[in-house]
Protein backbone atom coordinates (compact mmCIF):
# COMPACT_ATOMS: atom_id res chain seq x y z
CA GLN A 1 -1.40 1.06 19.27
CA ALA A 2 -4.72 2.58 18.72
CA LEU A 3 -5.02 5.21 15.85
CA VAL A 4 -5.38 7.83 18.21
CA CYS A 5 -2.05 8.09 18.69
CA LEU A 6 -1.53 10.08 15.40
CA GLU A 7 -3.84 13.41 16.93
CA PHE A 8 -2.02 15.45 15.40
CA ARG A 9 -3.91 18.35 17.45
CA GLY A 10 -5.15 18.66 13.70
CA TYR A 11 -4.24 19.01 9.96
CA GLU A 12 -2.79 22.55 10.71
CA MET A 13 -0.27 20.93 13.00
CA LEU A 14 0.17 18.10 10.59
CA SER A 15 0.65 21.25 7.49
CA ARG A 16 3.67 22.77 9.40
CA PHE A 17 5.05 19.47 10.45
CA ARG A 18 4.97 18.91 7.31
CA PHE A 19 6.61 21.95 6.13
CA ALA A 20 9.41 21.60 8.87
CA ILE A 21 10.36 18.23 8.23
CA ARG A 22 10.76 18.99 4.19
CA SER A 23 13.17 21.90 5.43
CA PHE A 24 14.93 20.02 7.69
CA SER A 25 15.71 16.90 5.55
CA ARG A 26 17.38 19.81 2.99
CA LEU A 27 20.20 20.02 5.40
CA ALA A 28 21.18 16.71 6.02
CA SER A 29 23.48 16.78 2.51
CA THR A 30 24.96 20.06 3.19
CA SER A 31 25.51 20.22 7.05
CA SER A 32 29.03 20.81 8.04
CA SER A 33 30.07 17.64 10.34
CA SER A 34 29.38 19.58 13.73
CA ASP A 35 25.64 19.71 12.36
CA GLU A 36 25.39 15.82 11.96
CA ALA A 37 24.12 12.64 13.63
CA ILE A 38 24.48 9.83 12.63
CA VAL A 39 22.43 6.58 12.51
CA SER A 40 22.63 3.56 11.79
CA SER A 41 21.10 1.81 8.78
CA LYS A 42 19.48 -0.91 10.42
CA GLU A 43 18.23 1.49 12.75
CA VAL A 44 16.71 3.78 10.28
CA ARG A 45 14.71 1.26 9.24
CA LEU A 46 13.33 0.03 12.18
CA PHE A 47 12.47 3.25 13.01
CA VAL A 48 10.58 3.71 10.02
CA GLN A 49 8.57 0.48 10.41
CA ARG A 50 7.81 1.47 14.23
CA CYS A 51 6.00 4.34 13.09
CA MET A 52 4.39 2.72 10.67
CA LEU A 53 2.75 -0.18 12.82
CA ALA A 54 1.60 2.45 14.98
CA VAL A 55 -0.49 4.06 11.89
CA GLY A 56 -2.02 0.61 11.72
CA THR A 57 0.34 -0.34 8.46
CA GLN A 58 0.72 -4.49 8.31
CA ARG A 59 4.15 -5.54 9.13
CA ASP A 60 5.90 -7.05 6.42
CA ASP A 61 4.57 -3.52 4.16
CA ALA A 62 6.09 -1.53 6.72
CA ALA A 63 9.23 -3.37 6.23
CA VAL A 64 8.91 -2.61 1.97
CA LEU A 65 8.67 0.78 2.94
CA ALA A 66 11.38 1.05 5.12
CA GLU A 67 13.81 -0.67 2.55
CA VAL A 68 13.24 1.78 0.04
CA LEU A 69 12.95 4.97 2.19
CA ALA A 70 16.48 4.00 3.92
CA THR A 71 17.99 3.17 0.50
CA ALA A 72 17.10 6.49 -0.69
CA ASP A 73 19.30 8.03 2.19
CA GLU A 74 21.95 5.91 1.59
CA ARG A 75 22.45 6.56 -1.92
CA GLY A 76 22.05 10.63 -0.82
CA HIS A 77 18.50 11.07 -2.31
CA TYR A 78 17.00 12.50 1.06
CA SER A 79 14.28 14.58 -0.49
CA HIS A 80 12.76 10.71 -1.10
CA GLY A 81 13.85 9.02 2.09
CA VAL A 82 12.62 9.57 5.50
CA ASN A 83 12.02 12.78 4.76
CA ARG A 84 8.65 11.42 3.10
CA LEU A 85 8.04 9.30 5.81
CA GLU A 86 5.36 11.82 7.69
CA MET A 87 3.73 11.88 4.34
CA TYR A 88 2.88 8.21 4.24
CA VAL A 89 2.03 8.11 7.51
CA GLY A 90 -0.58 11.37 6.59
CA ASP A 91 -1.87 8.57 4.01
CA VAL A 92 -2.49 6.29 5.77
CA HIS A 93 -3.96 8.24 8.77
CA SER A 94 -6.46 9.46 6.20
CA LYS A 95 -7.24 6.50 4.27
CA MET A 96 -6.09 7.88 1.30
CA THR A 97 -3.55 5.03 0.79
CA ARG A 98 -5.20 1.32 2.16
CA THR A 99 -3.60 -1.19 4.83
CA ASP A 100 -6.41 -3.63 4.31
CA MET A 101 -6.15 -3.94 0.90
CA GLU A 102 -2.88 -5.84 -1.03
CA PRO A 103 -2.11 -5.23 -5.02
CA ARG A 104 -3.13 -8.12 -7.45
CA ILE A 105 -2.44 -9.03 -10.82
CA VAL A 106 -5.62 -9.03 -12.75
CA LYS A 107 -4.04 -9.74 -16.54
CA HIS A 108 -1.61 -11.64 -17.73
CA THR A 109 0.04 -13.07 -20.34
CA ALA A 110 4.08 -14.62 -20.74
CA ALA A 111 5.49 -11.01 -20.80
CA THR A 112 2.98 -8.46 -19.20
CA ALA A 113 1.10 -8.02 -16.51
CA LEU A 114 -1.72 -5.79 -15.54
CA VAL A 115 -1.70 -4.71 -11.32
CA ASP A 116 -4.28 -3.55 -8.93
CA GLY A 117 -2.73 -1.69 -6.71
CA LYS A 118 -5.81 -1.55 -4.85
CA HIS A 119 -4.22 1.78 -2.76
CA ALA A 120 -1.75 -0.04 -0.96
CA LEU A 121 1.57 1.52 -0.19
CA GLY A 122 3.32 2.69 -3.61
CA PRO A 123 6.63 0.54 -2.34
CA VAL A 124 4.15 -2.26 -1.86
CA VAL A 125 2.86 -2.57 -5.33
CA GLY A 126 5.88 -1.37 -6.91
CA LYS A 127 7.60 -4.39 -5.53
CA LEU A 128 4.53 -6.76 -6.41
CA CYS A 129 4.95 -5.35 -9.99
CA MET A 130 9.04 -5.16 -10.62
CA ASP A 131 9.66 -8.88 -9.11
CA THR A 132 6.83 -9.83 -11.35
CA ALA A 133 8.77 -8.12 -14.34
CA ILE A 134 11.63 -9.99 -13.22
CA SER A 135 10.25 -13.14 -13.00
CA LYS A 136 8.62 -13.06 -16.94
CA ALA A 137 11.80 -11.84 -18.18
CA LYS A 138 14.05 -14.83 -16.59
CA ASP A 139 11.16 -17.22 -18.38
CA VAL A 140 10.78 -15.55 -22.16
CA GLY A 141 13.27 -12.72 -21.92
CA ILE A 142 11.48 -9.19 -21.34
CA GLY A 143 8.58 -8.22 -18.27
CA TRP A 144 6.56 -5.50 -19.42
CA VAL A 145 4.13 -5.06 -16.32
CA VAL A 146 2.10 -1.58 -15.33
CA CYS A 147 -0.38 -0.42 -12.27
CA SER A 148 -3.12 1.69 -11.52
CA GLY A 149 -4.31 2.57 -8.08
CA SER A 150 -0.61 3.02 -6.28
CA ASN A 151 1.09 5.91 -4.60
CA HIS A 152 4.17 7.64 -4.12
CA TYR A 153 6.90 4.77 -4.28
CA GLY A 154 10.23 6.33 -3.14
CA ILE A 155 13.38 6.53 -5.49
CA ALA A 156 12.20 5.08 -9.03
CA GLY A 157 15.97 3.82 -9.15
CA TRP A 158 15.29 0.95 -6.61
CA TYR A 159 12.91 -1.13 -8.65
CA ALA A 160 15.33 -0.67 -11.59
CA ILE A 161 18.22 -1.92 -9.52
CA ARG A 162 16.20 -4.68 -7.70
CA ALA A 163 16.62 -5.96 -11.85
CA ALA A 164 19.92 -5.78 -11.97
CA ASP A 165 20.72 -7.33 -9.18
CA GLN A 166 19.50 -9.84 -10.61
CA GLY A 167 21.66 -10.07 -14.39
CA LEU A 168 19.02 -8.01 -15.69
CA ILE A 169 17.95 -4.25 -17.20
CA GLY A 170 15.53 -3.03 -15.05
CA MET A 171 13.34 -0.29 -15.82
CA SER A 172 10.94 2.19 -13.39
CA PHE A 173 8.55 5.21 -14.62
CA THR A 174 5.94 6.88 -12.27
CA ASN A 175 3.27 9.34 -13.14
CA THR A 176 2.96 11.93 -10.16
CA SER A 177 0.96 15.05 -9.28
CA PRO A 178 0.91 17.79 -11.86
CA LEU A 179 3.90 20.69 -11.69
CA THR A 180 5.19 20.40 -14.79
CA VAL A 181 4.50 23.46 -17.33
CA PRO A 182 4.05 21.84 -20.44
CA THR A 183 6.14 23.75 -23.65
CA ARG A 184 4.32 26.85 -24.64
CA SER A 185 2.05 26.61 -21.61
CA ARG A 186 1.09 28.54 -18.27
CA GLU A 187 -0.36 25.32 -16.88
CA SER A 188 0.75 23.00 -14.69
CA VAL A 189 -0.97 19.50 -15.72
CA LEU A 190 1.80 16.76 -15.90
CA GLY A 191 3.68 15.61 -13.19
CA THR A 192 7.78 15.37 -12.71
CA ASN A 193 7.07 11.68 -14.10
CA PRO A 194 10.69 10.19 -13.29
CA LEU A 195 12.27 7.42 -14.74
CA ALA A 196 14.66 5.05 -13.85
CA VAL A 197 17.07 2.39 -15.95
CA ALA A 198 19.81 0.42 -14.13
CA ALA A 199 21.78 -2.76 -15.99
CA PRO A 200 23.97 -4.43 -14.86
CA GLY A 201 28.03 -4.08 -15.05
CA LYS A 202 30.61 -6.59 -13.49
CA ASP A 203 31.23 -7.03 -9.66
CA GLY A 204 27.96 -5.08 -8.88
CA ASP A 205 29.17 -1.95 -11.14
CA HIS A 206 25.84 -0.85 -12.47
CA PHE A 207 24.61 1.56 -14.74
CA VAL A 208 21.91 3.62 -12.08
CA LEU A 209 20.12 6.39 -14.38
CA ASP A 210 17.18 7.94 -12.27
CA MET A 211 15.96 11.15 -13.24
CA ALA A 212 12.59 13.64 -13.20
CA THR A 213 11.59 14.75 -16.59
CA SER A 214 11.44 18.79 -14.58
CA THR A 215 14.16 20.61 -15.06
CA ALA A 216 14.40 20.82 -11.04
CA ALA A 217 12.69 19.61 -7.78
CA VAL A 218 9.76 21.80 -6.31
CA GLY A 219 11.71 20.96 -3.33
CA LYS A 220 14.58 22.96 -4.66
CA VAL A 221 12.76 25.81 -5.31
CA GLU A 222 11.21 25.33 -1.51
CA VAL A 223 14.71 25.76 -0.31
CA ASN A 224 15.59 28.97 -2.69
CA LEU A 225 12.73 31.00 -1.56
CA ARG A 226 13.42 30.33 2.22
CA LYS A 227 16.99 31.23 1.68
CA GLY A 228 15.72 34.28 -0.13
CA ILE A 229 17.35 33.66 -3.25
CA PRO A 230 17.03 33.52 -6.81
CA ILE A 231 16.30 30.22 -8.85
CA PRO A 232 18.64 29.79 -12.03
CA SER A 233 17.58 29.83 -15.04
CA GLY A 234 15.27 26.90 -16.80
CA TRP A 235 14.03 25.56 -13.40
CA GLY A 236 10.39 27.38 -13.78
CA VAL A 237 7.86 30.12 -15.08
CA ASP A 238 4.87 32.25 -13.24
CA SER A 239 1.49 32.45 -13.41
CA LYS A 240 2.07 33.68 -17.16
CA GLY A 241 4.12 31.33 -18.39
CA THR A 242 7.18 33.13 -19.01
CA GLU A 243 9.99 32.20 -17.37
CA THR A 244 11.16 33.63 -13.78
CA HIS A 245 14.16 33.69 -11.34
CA ASP A 246 11.68 34.32 -8.56
CA PRO A 247 11.18 31.17 -7.17
CA LYS A 248 7.42 32.78 -5.46
CA ALA A 249 6.08 33.26 -8.68
CA VAL A 250 6.59 29.55 -9.61
CA LEU A 251 4.70 28.38 -6.24
CA ASP A 252 1.97 30.73 -6.23
CA GLY A 253 0.07 29.51 -9.88
CA GLY A 254 3.53 28.74 -12.04
CA GLY A 255 5.36 25.99 -12.75
CA LEU A 256 8.42 23.69 -12.98
CA LEU A 257 9.41 23.91 -16.33
CA PRO A 258 10.61 19.92 -18.22
CA LEU A 259 14.16 18.90 -18.49
CA GLY A 260 16.08 21.71 -20.69
CA GLY A 261 14.19 24.47 -19.34
CA THR A 262 12.28 26.54 -22.25
CA GLU A 263 11.40 26.06 -25.68
CA VAL A 264 14.91 27.61 -26.59
CA SER A 265 17.31 25.44 -24.49
CA SER A 266 15.01 22.12 -25.70
CA GLY A 267 12.75 21.97 -22.88
CA TYR A 268 10.23 20.56 -25.44
CA LYS A 269 12.73 17.36 -25.08
CA GLY A 270 11.63 16.72 -21.56
CA TYR A 271 8.39 17.80 -22.20
CA GLY A 272 8.17 15.03 -24.68
CA LEU A 273 10.27 12.70 -21.99
CA ALA A 274 7.03 13.69 -18.98
CA THR A 275 4.32 13.10 -21.88
CA MET A 276 6.16 9.20 -22.69
CA VAL A 277 6.58 8.56 -18.76
CA GLU A 278 2.33 9.57 -18.81
CA ILE A 279 1.25 7.31 -21.58
CA PHE A 280 2.88 4.67 -20.02
CA CYS A 281 1.97 4.85 -16.88
CA GLY A 282 -1.38 6.32 -16.33
CA ILE A 283 -2.58 5.82 -19.97
CA LEU A 284 -1.68 2.47 -19.98
CA ALA A 285 -1.88 1.03 -16.60
CA GLY A 286 -6.08 2.72 -17.18
CA ALA A 287 -4.82 5.14 -13.66
CA ALA A 288 -5.51 8.97 -13.45
CA TYR A 289 -3.40 10.71 -15.38
CA GLY A 290 -2.14 14.20 -15.97
CA PRO A 291 -4.22 16.97 -13.92
CA ASN A 292 -6.12 14.12 -13.38
CA ILE A 293 -3.97 13.08 -10.79
CA ARG A 294 -4.31 14.91 -7.12
CA LYS A 295 -2.48 17.98 -6.17
CA TRP A 296 0.73 17.66 -4.59
CA LEU A 297 0.41 16.82 -0.83
CA SER A 298 -3.12 16.96 -1.28
CA ASP A 299 -5.65 14.00 0.78
CA SER A 300 -8.61 15.55 -0.97
CA LYS A 301 -9.15 11.61 -3.07
CA GLU A 302 -6.86 8.70 -3.69
CA ALA A 303 -3.72 9.35 -5.65
CA ASN A 304 -4.48 6.11 -8.38
CA LEU A 305 -1.17 6.69 -9.92
CA GLY A 306 -0.21 4.71 -12.34
CA GLN A 307 3.22 2.64 -12.83
CA CYS A 308 5.31 1.17 -15.28
CA PHE A 309 8.03 -1.68 -14.80
CA VAL A 310 10.36 -3.35 -16.97
CA ALA A 311 12.80 -5.92 -16.94
CA ILE A 312 15.22 -7.28 -19.84
CA ASN A 313 17.12 -10.63 -20.22
CA PRO A 314 20.83 -9.71 -21.72
CA ASP A 315 21.24 -13.54 -22.22
CA MET A 316 17.99 -13.46 -24.55
CA PHE A 317 20.79 -11.36 -26.45
CA ALA A 318 24.41 -10.91 -28.10
CA PRO A 319 26.22 -12.66 -25.42
CA GLY A 320 29.27 -10.45 -23.54
CA PHE A 321 26.37 -7.48 -22.23
CA THR A 322 27.99 -7.09 -19.01
CA ASP A 323 31.67 -7.01 -20.20
CA ARG A 324 30.85 -4.58 -22.80
CA LEU A 325 29.04 -2.63 -20.63
CA THR A 326 31.41 -2.08 -18.32
CA ASP A 327 34.11 -1.47 -20.73
CA LEU A 328 31.80 1.39 -22.00
CA MET A 329 31.91 2.84 -18.37
CA ARG A 330 35.56 2.13 -18.16
CA ILE A 331 35.91 4.28 -21.06
CA LEU A 332 33.98 7.24 -19.74
CA ARG A 333 35.15 7.05 -16.37
CA SER A 334 39.17 7.57 -18.15
CA LEU A 335 38.47 10.45 -20.38
CA ARG A 336 40.25 13.69 -19.67
CA PRO A 337 38.35 16.19 -17.68
CA ALA A 338 36.76 19.62 -18.25
CA GLU A 339 39.39 22.37 -16.81
CA GLY A 340 38.23 23.10 -13.57
CA GLU A 341 37.03 19.20 -13.52
CA THR A 342 38.43 16.42 -11.58
CA GLU A 343 36.81 12.97 -12.89
CA VAL A 344 33.97 12.57 -15.65
CA LEU A 345 31.11 10.20 -13.87
CA VAL A 346 28.69 7.70 -14.72
CA ALA A 347 25.23 7.81 -13.65
CA GLY A 348 24.62 5.90 -10.55
CA ASP A 349 28.89 6.97 -9.40
CA PRO A 350 27.54 10.23 -7.31
CA GLU A 351 25.36 7.62 -5.44
CA ARG A 352 28.32 4.92 -5.46
CA LYS A 353 29.75 7.54 -3.69
CA HIS A 354 27.22 8.54 -0.92
CA LEU A 355 27.26 4.79 0.36
CA GLU A 356 31.12 4.83 0.70
CA LYS A 357 30.97 7.52 2.75
CA ILE A 358 27.84 5.91 4.76
CA ASP A 359 30.49 2.74 5.57
CA TYR A 360 32.83 4.85 6.30
CA LEU A 361 30.65 6.94 8.76
CA GLY A 362 29.29 3.93 10.33
CA GLY A 363 25.40 5.11 9.18
CA ILE A 364 23.49 7.51 7.35
CA PRO A 365 24.44 11.52 8.03
CA TYR A 366 21.42 13.74 9.02
CA HIS A 367 21.25 17.18 10.13
CA HIS A 368 20.32 17.40 13.55
CA THR A 369 17.26 19.35 13.36
CA PHE A 370 15.88 16.55 11.30
CA ILE A 371 16.27 14.17 13.90
CA SER A 372 14.58 17.05 16.18
CA ALA A 373 11.45 16.22 13.51
CA LEU A 374 11.93 12.93 13.63
CA ASP A 375 11.35 12.64 17.76
CA ALA A 376 8.44 14.96 17.71
CA LEU A 377 7.10 12.32 15.16
CA ALA A 378 7.60 9.57 17.75
CA ASP A 379 6.48 12.14 20.73
CA ARG A 380 3.14 12.08 18.31
CA LEU A 381 2.74 8.37 17.24
CA GLN A 382 4.20 7.24 20.97
CA VAL A 383 6.73 5.04 19.21
CA GLU A 384 10.90 5.11 20.68
CA LYS A 385 12.47 7.48 19.33
CA ILE A 386 15.23 7.09 16.55
CA LYS A 387 18.59 6.17 17.87
CA SER A 388 21.93 8.37 16.91
CA HIS A 389 25.12 9.70 17.75
CA LYS A 390 27.24 12.35 17.09
CA THR A 391 30.05 12.23 14.02
């Protein structure tokens, strides 16, 4: 289909649709069953591919993106799943993301590699990098790969899990648009800079840490603004750098606080982690970094994100890694819960529970208004609408 399919009646409509689709997706994980529609995992992937093919994406690249977005929703990370589809469509339409270029390795050793992402889809760049790291780890014990010229790559955990599924420890990092205010500052110059670590336990019981280095995502602040309720302590500051509970003040010239909140509650540790991610990504890879990265949801210039992917082969170290990890997770899960709590969880357990819910329902639950938003996108792209059924 010709690119004329993507005439969204101007970017004003595109912006309104972007705001709406973010709003609706937040409802997917909190709606009652009467508000839910169920979409099979296969159909979610096919719908993403239909949309991306309509704007000129290569079929294999569209399939990779579909896998990453669907996996995010399956694991309960709706903010980074199909919710982001419109963003990817828009970036391809504006040519900020290239569909005619492929990422390539420009420098490598037995254990390291530098990749030029060529401004391709983030998941396409990330898959090449992680697979390269995995291959090196199997050969020499570790693979460390960084890239420049990348784009938003979905959930960091997808790449780390890719290594864990092959018996390796996987790590993934990315810098992002500047949204976070460093400790003692009033300016947003660092991203939420997420990191992920996945380690293989027995029978697929992986430890999976997937987290941002800010206390909260900007989307959560937006939700509170729409609901007209204050944000919790430790989430953000106003334009003067003062902690605030007003979501509007955070979004209008303020910024997010690093993990831990203010300095008195150890926010400097989150600030340090965010800077560490920036060193691994933007600095090490020669990509954009800090305030040099384009603003969130802007298409004024290429994102040029930096990303880092690591794979470690436990077999190159002390034997019995998976047995010890499985035992540690058993110990943690068997701890007596605090009063008012029901169980102690390990990183990756909430996502595992959501995957069990998906299996029970026979598909991924979405709020019906989010399905309507996807239908509107399908109409604009002139592709078949997503198939769903009621619970």
